[in-house]
Amino acid sequence: MNSPTTTSASATTRTLIGGRGADRNLEEAALPSQLGVNRIQVQAAGLNRPDLYDLEGPCTATSQSEGPLTAGMEVAGVVEAGSPPSRHLPVGARVMGITTGVFAHFALAWPI
């Protein structure tokens, strides 16, 4: 992946977005954010059978129900923006886990 793009007016990221099959594209999108959730700078993403179902199949393997599909579940990276519930994972902490929408430069991860 190319390095993320940020501007002073608005921050964006490149993300694999779209429907299934040939309807997907690599696009610029707003940085993901959600209160109480860590934003991870993706350094590696796994590709496995559920991702293939999401990208090619007639069904979805993930629970993403709103907006265009952003596939990918397995992620490894660095905490780029922390959250109060996960003080044990400060900005810069190396993390790995399972979430949704990781075929992007940035993804959201819920602390456990």
Protein backbone atom coordinates (compact mmCIF):
# COMPACT_ATOMS: atom_id res chain seq x y z
CA MET A 1 0.00 0.00 0.00
CA ASN A 2 1.08 3.56 -0.56
CA SER A 3 1.50 5.83 2.44
CA PRO A 4 -1.64 7.52 3.79
CA THR A 5 -2.64 10.95 2.58
CA THR A 6 -3.39 13.70 5.05
CA THR A 7 -4.18 17.37 4.55
CA SER A 8 -4.77 20.20 6.99
CA ALA A 9 -8.37 20.66 5.76
CA SER A 10 -9.40 17.01 6.01
CA ALA A 11 -7.62 13.73 6.53
CA THR A 12 -8.19 10.89 4.10
CA THR A 13 -7.03 7.34 3.59
CA ARG A 14 -6.95 4.93 0.65
CA THR A 15 -9.48 2.15 1.17
CA LEU A 16 -10.73 -0.81 -0.85
CA ILE A 17 -14.40 0.17 -1.14
CA GLY A 18 -17.31 -1.10 -3.10
CA GLY A 19 -19.77 -3.82 -3.67
CA ARG A 20 -18.88 -7.32 -4.55
CA GLY A 21 -17.05 -8.63 -7.59
CA ALA A 22 -15.93 -6.03 -10.11
CA ASP A 23 -17.80 -3.22 -8.32
CA ARG A 24 -14.96 -2.54 -5.85
CA ASN A 25 -12.39 0.25 -6.19
CA LEU A 26 -9.42 1.65 -4.32
CA GLU A 27 -10.71 5.08 -3.25
CA GLU A 28 -9.92 8.02 -1.00
CA ALA A 29 -12.16 8.02 2.07
CA ALA A 30 -12.40 9.96 5.32
CA LEU A 31 -10.29 8.63 8.16
CA PRO A 32 -12.40 6.26 10.23
CA SER A 33 -13.24 7.48 13.71
CA GLN A 34 -15.61 6.49 16.48
CA LEU A 35 -15.76 7.54 20.11
CA GLY A 36 -14.16 4.95 22.40
CA VAL A 37 -12.45 3.06 19.58
CA ASN A 38 -8.77 2.95 18.60
CA ARG A 39 -7.72 3.87 15.08
CA ILE A 40 -5.03 1.49 13.81
CA GLN A 41 -2.55 2.35 11.08
CA VAL A 42 -2.65 -0.90 9.12
CA GLN A 43 0.75 -2.44 8.41
CA ALA A 44 -0.46 -5.92 7.45
CA ALA A 45 -3.83 -7.46 6.65
CA GLY A 46 -4.70 -11.13 6.25
CA LEU A 47 -6.70 -12.49 3.32
CA ASN A 48 -8.78 -15.54 4.14
CA ARG A 49 -11.96 -17.35 3.14
CA PRO A 50 -14.43 -14.93 4.83
CA ASP A 51 -12.75 -12.05 2.98
CA LEU A 52 -13.16 -13.91 -0.32
CA TYR A 53 -16.86 -14.45 0.47
CA ASP A 54 -17.19 -10.71 1.13
CA LEU A 55 -15.40 -9.76 -2.08
CA GLU A 56 -16.76 -12.35 -4.51
CA GLY A 57 -19.59 -14.33 -3.01
CA PRO A 58 -23.34 -13.87 -2.89
CA CYS A 59 -23.21 -13.54 0.90
CA THR A 60 -21.26 -11.46 3.40
CA ALA A 61 -19.16 -13.08 6.10
CA THR A 62 -18.74 -9.90 8.17
CA SER A 63 -21.29 -7.98 10.17
CA GLN A 64 -20.83 -4.72 8.26
CA SER A 65 -24.37 -3.64 7.46
CA GLU A 66 -24.15 0.08 6.64
CA GLY A 67 -22.39 1.91 3.86
CA PRO A 68 -20.25 0.43 1.11
CA LEU A 69 -18.35 -2.75 1.89
CA THR A 70 -14.78 -2.38 3.11
CA ALA A 71 -13.46 -5.92 3.33
CA GLY A 72 -10.73 -7.41 5.49
CA MET A 73 -10.79 -8.79 9.02
CA GLU A 74 -7.28 -9.67 10.25
CA VAL A 75 -5.01 -6.73 11.01
CA ALA A 76 -1.62 -5.90 12.46
CA GLY A 77 -0.43 -2.35 12.89
CA VAL A 78 0.19 0.57 15.20
CA VAL A 79 -2.29 2.54 17.32
CA GLU A 80 -2.57 5.90 15.56
CA ALA A 81 -5.36 7.39 17.74
CA GLY A 82 -6.14 5.98 21.16
CA SER A 83 -9.31 5.96 23.24
CA PRO A 84 -10.03 6.34 26.98
CA PRO A 85 -11.24 2.72 27.43
CA SER A 86 -7.88 1.42 26.20
CA ARG A 87 -5.27 3.44 28.08
CA HIS A 88 -3.15 0.27 28.11
CA LEU A 89 -2.76 0.72 24.31
CA PRO A 90 -1.18 4.17 23.88
CA VAL A 91 -0.49 5.80 20.53
CA GLY A 92 2.41 3.94 18.93
CA ALA A 93 1.60 0.56 20.53
CA ARG A 94 1.94 -2.38 18.16
CA VAL A 95 -1.29 -4.37 17.97
CA MET A 96 -2.97 -7.20 16.10
CA GLY A 97 -6.50 -8.47 16.06
CA ILE A 98 -9.72 -9.08 14.19
CA THR A 99 -12.07 -6.27 13.20
CA THR A 100 -13.71 -5.16 9.95
CA GLY A 101 -12.62 -2.95 7.07
CA VAL A 102 -8.87 -3.53 7.26
CA PHE A 103 -8.13 -3.41 3.52
CA ALA A 104 -7.25 0.24 4.06
CA HIS A 105 -4.47 2.38 5.50
CA PHE A 106 -6.47 2.85 8.72
CA ALA A 107 -9.05 0.70 10.51
CA LEU A 108 -10.99 0.88 13.77
CA ALA A 109 -10.39 -1.60 16.59
CA TRP A 110 -12.51 -2.00 19.69
CA PRO A 111 -10.54 -2.53 22.93
CA ILE A 112 -11.21 -5.62 25.02
